[in-house]
N, C-alpha and C. Protein backbone atom coordinates (compact mmCIF):
# COMPACT_ATOMS: atom_id res chain seq x y z
N GLN A 1 0.80 -1.16 0.01
CA GLN A 1 -0.03 0.01 -0.02
C GLN A 1 0.90 1.27 -0.01
N ILE A 2 0.62 2.12 -0.93
CA ILE A 2 1.37 3.33 -1.05
C ILE A 2 0.99 4.29 0.09
N GLN A 3 1.98 4.88 0.76
CA GLN A 3 1.70 5.85 1.74
C GLN A 3 2.53 7.10 1.50
N LEU A 4 1.90 8.27 1.75
CA LEU A 4 2.56 9.57 1.59
C LEU A 4 2.35 10.40 2.85
N VAL A 5 3.47 10.92 3.35
CA VAL A 5 3.49 11.70 4.54
C VAL A 5 4.07 13.04 4.26
N GLU A 6 3.20 14.06 4.48
CA GLU A 6 3.66 15.43 4.22
C GLU A 6 4.22 16.07 5.54
N SER A 7 5.04 17.02 5.40
CA SER A 7 5.55 17.79 6.53
C SER A 7 6.03 19.16 6.05
N GLY A 8 6.25 20.05 6.94
CA GLY A 8 6.80 21.32 6.60
C GLY A 8 5.80 22.51 6.66
N GLY A 9 4.56 22.24 6.88
CA GLY A 9 3.59 23.25 6.99
C GLY A 9 3.71 24.06 8.24
N GLY A 10 2.96 25.13 8.35
CA GLY A 10 3.05 25.97 9.56
C GLY A 10 2.46 27.31 9.31
N LEU A 11 2.71 28.25 10.26
CA LEU A 11 2.27 29.61 10.17
C LEU A 11 3.40 30.45 9.60
N VAL A 12 3.11 31.28 8.62
CA VAL A 12 4.14 32.10 8.06
C VAL A 12 3.48 33.48 7.72
N GLN A 13 4.26 34.49 7.78
CA GLN A 13 3.78 35.83 7.45
C GLN A 13 3.71 36.03 5.94
N PRO A 14 2.86 36.91 5.52
CA PRO A 14 2.82 37.22 4.07
C PRO A 14 4.23 37.60 3.54
N GLY A 15 4.53 37.09 2.38
CA GLY A 15 5.89 37.31 1.82
C GLY A 15 6.92 36.30 2.19
N GLY A 16 6.52 35.46 3.11
CA GLY A 16 7.47 34.41 3.57
C GLY A 16 7.52 33.21 2.72
N SER A 17 8.32 32.26 3.11
CA SER A 17 8.49 30.99 2.36
C SER A 17 8.34 29.76 3.19
N LEU A 18 8.01 28.70 2.60
CA LEU A 18 7.94 27.41 3.27
C LEU A 18 8.40 26.29 2.25
N LEU A 19 8.97 25.29 2.82
CA LEU A 19 9.37 24.14 2.01
C LEU A 19 8.55 22.93 2.51
N LEU A 20 7.66 22.41 1.66
CA LEU A 20 6.88 21.20 2.02
C LEU A 20 7.63 19.99 1.55
N THR A 21 7.61 18.90 2.35
CA THR A 21 8.25 17.69 1.94
C THR A 21 7.18 16.52 1.99
N CYS A 22 7.28 15.65 1.11
CA CYS A 22 6.40 14.48 1.07
C CYS A 22 7.34 13.27 0.91
N LEU A 23 7.24 12.35 1.82
CA LEU A 23 7.94 11.07 1.76
C LEU A 23 6.99 10.00 1.37
N VAL A 24 7.44 9.17 0.38
CA VAL A 24 6.59 8.11 -0.21
C VAL A 24 7.13 6.77 0.23
N SER A 25 6.27 5.90 0.68
CA SER A 25 6.64 4.51 1.02
C SER A 25 5.67 3.54 0.49
N GLY A 26 6.06 2.25 0.60
CA GLY A 26 5.12 1.19 0.12
C GLY A 26 5.14 1.01 -1.40
N ILE A 27 6.23 1.45 -1.98
CA ILE A 27 6.33 1.25 -3.47
C ILE A 27 7.83 1.08 -3.74
N SER A 28 8.11 0.23 -4.70
CA SER A 28 9.46 -0.04 -5.05
C SER A 28 10.16 1.16 -5.68
N ASP A 29 11.46 1.24 -5.57
CA ASP A 29 12.17 2.36 -6.13
C ASP A 29 11.94 2.48 -7.65
N SER A 30 11.92 1.35 -8.32
CA SER A 30 11.78 1.38 -9.75
C SER A 30 10.40 1.86 -10.19
N ILE A 31 9.34 1.45 -9.43
CA ILE A 31 7.98 1.85 -9.77
C ILE A 31 7.85 3.31 -9.38
N LEU A 32 8.37 3.71 -8.30
CA LEU A 32 8.27 5.12 -7.87
C LEU A 32 8.95 6.06 -8.94
N ALA A 33 10.05 5.61 -9.43
CA ALA A 33 10.75 6.44 -10.44
C ALA A 33 9.86 6.57 -11.68
N ASP A 34 8.96 5.68 -11.92
CA ASP A 34 8.09 5.73 -13.09
C ASP A 34 6.70 6.28 -12.75
N THR A 35 6.55 6.90 -11.59
CA THR A 35 5.27 7.43 -11.14
C THR A 35 5.29 8.89 -10.92
N GLY A 36 4.34 9.56 -11.45
CA GLY A 36 4.19 11.00 -11.22
C GLY A 36 3.90 11.30 -9.79
N LEU A 37 4.36 12.43 -9.31
CA LEU A 37 4.07 12.93 -7.98
C LEU A 37 3.68 14.36 -8.03
N GLY A 38 2.82 14.78 -7.08
CA GLY A 38 2.45 16.17 -7.13
C GLY A 38 1.83 16.70 -5.87
N TRP A 39 1.34 17.90 -5.95
CA TRP A 39 0.77 18.60 -4.78
C TRP A 39 -0.59 19.18 -5.22
N SER A 40 -1.51 19.10 -4.30
CA SER A 40 -2.81 19.77 -4.39
C SER A 40 -3.05 20.51 -3.08
N ARG A 41 -4.11 21.39 -3.07
CA ARG A 41 -4.38 22.07 -1.81
C ARG A 41 -5.90 22.29 -1.74
N GLN A 42 -6.36 22.41 -0.46
CA GLN A 42 -7.74 22.66 -0.26
C GLN A 42 -7.91 23.69 0.78
N ALA A 43 -8.51 24.79 0.49
CA ALA A 43 -8.80 25.86 1.50
C ALA A 43 -10.14 25.61 2.07
N PRO A 44 -10.39 26.16 3.27
CA PRO A 44 -11.68 25.91 3.89
C PRO A 44 -12.83 26.43 2.99
N GLY A 45 -13.82 25.50 2.86
CA GLY A 45 -14.97 25.91 2.06
C GLY A 45 -14.80 25.86 0.57
N LYS A 46 -13.59 25.43 0.15
CA LYS A 46 -13.35 25.32 -1.29
C LYS A 46 -12.98 23.92 -1.72
N GLU A 47 -13.07 23.67 -3.04
CA GLU A 47 -12.68 22.40 -3.56
C GLU A 47 -11.19 22.25 -3.61
N ARG A 48 -10.72 20.97 -3.62
CA ARG A 48 -9.32 20.74 -3.73
C ARG A 48 -8.88 21.17 -5.14
N GLU A 49 -7.74 21.81 -5.20
CA GLU A 49 -7.21 22.27 -6.49
C GLU A 49 -5.81 21.82 -6.73
N PHE A 50 -5.48 21.67 -7.95
CA PHE A 50 -4.15 21.23 -8.39
C PHE A 50 -3.14 22.31 -8.21
N VAL A 51 -1.98 22.05 -7.64
CA VAL A 51 -0.90 22.97 -7.48
C VAL A 51 0.21 22.75 -8.45
N ALA A 52 0.78 21.51 -8.39
CA ALA A 52 1.95 21.21 -9.21
C ALA A 52 2.14 19.75 -9.31
N SER A 53 2.85 19.31 -10.38
CA SER A 53 3.17 17.87 -10.54
C SER A 53 4.55 17.73 -11.19
N PHE A 54 5.10 16.57 -10.95
CA PHE A 54 6.47 16.30 -11.48
C PHE A 54 6.39 14.83 -12.01
N ASN A 55 6.38 14.66 -13.32
CA ASN A 55 6.20 13.29 -13.82
C ASN A 55 7.52 12.52 -13.86
N SER A 56 7.36 11.33 -14.27
CA SER A 56 8.54 10.40 -14.29
C SER A 56 9.60 10.75 -15.27
N ARG A 57 9.28 11.57 -16.23
CA ARG A 57 10.20 11.93 -17.31
C ARG A 57 10.89 13.25 -16.98
N GLY A 58 10.60 13.84 -15.78
CA GLY A 58 11.29 15.04 -15.38
C GLY A 58 10.55 16.32 -15.77
N PHE A 59 9.39 16.21 -16.22
CA PHE A 59 8.60 17.42 -16.64
C PHE A 59 7.72 17.84 -15.48
N THR A 60 7.66 19.17 -15.29
CA THR A 60 6.83 19.75 -14.26
C THR A 60 5.63 20.47 -14.81
N ASN A 61 4.59 20.56 -14.07
CA ASN A 61 3.44 21.25 -14.50
C ASN A 61 2.84 22.00 -13.28
N TYR A 62 2.31 23.21 -13.59
CA TYR A 62 1.81 24.02 -12.49
C TYR A 62 0.39 24.49 -12.78
N GLY A 63 -0.43 24.46 -11.75
CA GLY A 63 -1.70 25.03 -11.84
C GLY A 63 -1.65 26.56 -11.59
N PRO A 64 -2.72 27.23 -11.80
CA PRO A 64 -2.77 28.67 -11.56
C PRO A 64 -2.21 29.07 -10.19
N SER A 65 -2.53 28.29 -9.18
CA SER A 65 -2.16 28.58 -7.80
C SER A 65 -0.66 28.46 -7.61
N GLY A 66 -0.03 27.54 -8.38
CA GLY A 66 1.40 27.27 -8.20
C GLY A 66 2.32 27.97 -9.12
N GLN A 67 1.76 28.57 -10.21
CA GLN A 67 2.58 29.17 -11.20
C GLN A 67 3.32 30.39 -10.72
N GLY A 68 4.61 30.45 -10.88
CA GLY A 68 5.40 31.65 -10.60
C GLY A 68 6.00 31.78 -9.22
N ARG A 69 5.37 31.30 -8.19
CA ARG A 69 5.89 31.41 -6.85
C ARG A 69 6.24 30.08 -6.16
N PHE A 70 5.77 28.99 -6.81
CA PHE A 70 6.07 27.68 -6.22
C PHE A 70 6.89 26.89 -7.14
N THR A 71 7.78 26.06 -6.55
CA THR A 71 8.65 25.15 -7.34
C THR A 71 8.60 23.77 -6.82
N ILE A 72 8.23 22.82 -7.73
CA ILE A 72 8.21 21.43 -7.33
C ILE A 72 9.46 20.70 -7.75
N THR A 73 10.03 19.90 -6.83
CA THR A 73 11.16 19.11 -7.19
C THR A 73 10.96 17.69 -6.57
N ARG A 74 11.74 16.73 -7.03
CA ARG A 74 11.72 15.40 -6.47
C ARG A 74 13.05 14.82 -6.43
N ASP A 75 13.19 13.89 -5.45
CA ASP A 75 14.42 13.17 -5.26
C ASP A 75 14.07 11.72 -5.10
N ASN A 76 14.20 10.98 -6.16
CA ASN A 76 13.84 9.55 -6.13
C ASN A 76 14.71 8.76 -5.21
N ALA A 77 15.98 9.15 -5.02
CA ALA A 77 16.87 8.38 -4.07
C ALA A 77 16.27 8.52 -2.71
N LYS A 78 15.58 9.54 -2.42
CA LYS A 78 15.00 9.75 -1.03
C LYS A 78 13.55 9.49 -1.00
N ASN A 79 12.94 9.02 -2.11
CA ASN A 79 11.52 8.77 -2.16
C ASN A 79 10.78 10.00 -1.70
N ALA A 80 11.16 11.09 -2.25
CA ALA A 80 10.58 12.39 -1.78
C ALA A 80 10.22 13.30 -2.93
N VAL A 81 9.16 14.12 -2.65
CA VAL A 81 8.82 15.23 -3.56
C VAL A 81 8.66 16.49 -2.64
N TYR A 82 9.08 17.60 -3.20
CA TYR A 82 9.12 18.79 -2.42
C TYR A 82 8.31 19.91 -3.15
N LEU A 83 7.84 20.88 -2.29
CA LEU A 83 7.19 22.07 -2.86
C LEU A 83 7.78 23.23 -2.14
N GLN A 84 8.58 24.03 -2.84
CA GLN A 84 9.09 25.27 -2.28
C GLN A 84 8.10 26.33 -2.64
N MET A 85 7.64 27.02 -1.60
CA MET A 85 6.65 28.08 -1.81
C MET A 85 7.22 29.44 -1.33
N ASP A 86 7.33 30.37 -2.18
CA ASP A 86 7.85 31.73 -1.95
C ASP A 86 6.79 32.77 -2.12
N ASP A 87 7.08 33.94 -1.43
CA ASP A 87 6.15 35.08 -1.55
C ASP A 87 4.74 34.64 -1.21
N LEU A 88 4.63 33.97 -0.17
CA LEU A 88 3.26 33.46 0.24
C LEU A 88 2.28 34.53 0.54
N LYS A 89 1.06 34.24 0.16
CA LYS A 89 -0.02 35.22 0.35
C LYS A 89 -1.16 34.60 1.23
N PRO A 90 -1.97 35.49 1.86
CA PRO A 90 -3.05 34.85 2.72
C PRO A 90 -3.91 33.90 1.89
N ASP A 91 -4.07 34.10 0.60
CA ASP A 91 -4.91 33.16 -0.18
C ASP A 91 -4.28 31.82 -0.36
N ASP A 92 -3.01 31.69 0.03
CA ASP A 92 -2.37 30.39 -0.06
C ASP A 92 -2.66 29.54 1.18
N THR A 93 -3.35 30.12 2.17
CA THR A 93 -3.78 29.33 3.33
C THR A 93 -4.62 28.12 2.90
N ALA A 94 -4.20 26.99 3.29
CA ALA A 94 -4.93 25.76 2.82
C ALA A 94 -4.19 24.52 3.46
N THR A 95 -4.81 23.39 3.32
CA THR A 95 -4.21 22.17 3.61
C THR A 95 -3.57 21.60 2.29
N TYR A 96 -2.30 21.33 2.39
CA TYR A 96 -1.54 20.90 1.16
C TYR A 96 -1.39 19.36 1.21
N TYR A 97 -1.74 18.74 0.12
CA TYR A 97 -1.78 17.31 0.01
C TYR A 97 -0.77 16.86 -1.03
N CYS A 98 0.01 15.88 -0.78
CA CYS A 98 0.86 15.24 -1.69
C CYS A 98 0.06 14.09 -2.32
N ARG A 99 0.35 13.84 -3.61
CA ARG A 99 -0.34 12.70 -4.24
C ARG A 99 0.59 11.98 -5.19
N GLU A 100 0.27 10.71 -5.42
CA GLU A 100 0.94 9.97 -6.50
C GLU A 100 -0.04 9.65 -7.54
N TYR A 101 0.43 9.56 -8.77
CA TYR A 101 -0.50 9.44 -9.90
C TYR A 101 -0.69 8.04 -10.44
N ARG A 102 -0.04 7.02 -9.78
CA ARG A 102 -0.23 5.65 -10.22
C ARG A 102 -1.58 5.12 -9.80
N LEU A 103 -1.92 5.25 -8.50
CA LEU A 103 -3.17 4.81 -7.90
C LEU A 103 -4.07 5.96 -7.52
N GLY A 104 -3.49 7.20 -7.45
CA GLY A 104 -4.28 8.33 -7.05
C GLY A 104 -4.34 8.53 -5.58
N THR A 105 -3.37 8.04 -4.88
CA THR A 105 -3.28 8.10 -3.38
C THR A 105 -2.84 9.48 -2.96
N PHE A 106 -3.54 10.04 -1.99
CA PHE A 106 -3.21 11.23 -1.36
C PHE A 106 -2.64 11.04 0.07
N GLY A 107 -1.81 11.93 0.53
CA GLY A 107 -1.37 11.94 1.93
C GLY A 107 -2.48 12.55 2.76
N GLN A 108 -2.16 12.73 4.07
CA GLN A 108 -3.10 13.24 4.97
C GLN A 108 -3.09 14.76 5.04
N GLY A 109 -2.05 15.32 4.49
CA GLY A 109 -2.02 16.78 4.33
C GLY A 109 -1.26 17.47 5.42
N THR A 110 -0.77 18.70 5.09
CA THR A 110 -0.06 19.53 6.04
C THR A 110 -0.67 20.96 5.94
N GLN A 111 -0.93 21.55 7.05
CA GLN A 111 -1.61 22.84 7.05
C GLN A 111 -0.62 24.01 6.90
N VAL A 112 -0.95 24.84 5.95
CA VAL A 112 -0.18 26.08 5.69
C VAL A 112 -1.10 27.27 6.01
N THR A 113 -0.69 28.16 6.90
CA THR A 113 -1.42 29.33 7.18
C THR A 113 -0.57 30.56 7.04
N VAL A 114 -1.02 31.45 6.22
CA VAL A 114 -0.33 32.65 5.86
C VAL A 114 -1.09 33.87 6.46
N SER A 115 -0.49 34.41 7.48
CA SER A 115 -1.15 35.49 8.21
C SER A 115 -0.19 36.37 8.99
N SER A 116 -0.48 37.61 9.08
CA SER A 116 0.40 38.48 9.87
C SER A 116 -0.10 38.59 11.33
């Protein structure tokens, strides 16, 4: 069973930065290397939205919420995917979820709150 565990969320002031980390387990290294990984987020009262993805061929894709200020990276040797978030805004407040694209599994999420 694939498991994803997010970390790195917290309270940050507007304009600040956070680095989210997602560790993936329950999948072989070779299959993980062939699996897309990504991030989504869900703000209170809103639907979950796509933030960014990193496919197995090294291509990245960003949704409107992630374009320009967020950077997704992955390290297959560490079974990890990261989301560097810069110039954070109050509208970025949400629970951020890591996901894998082979089975569609999501992690439990990490809370990001942007407030002064």
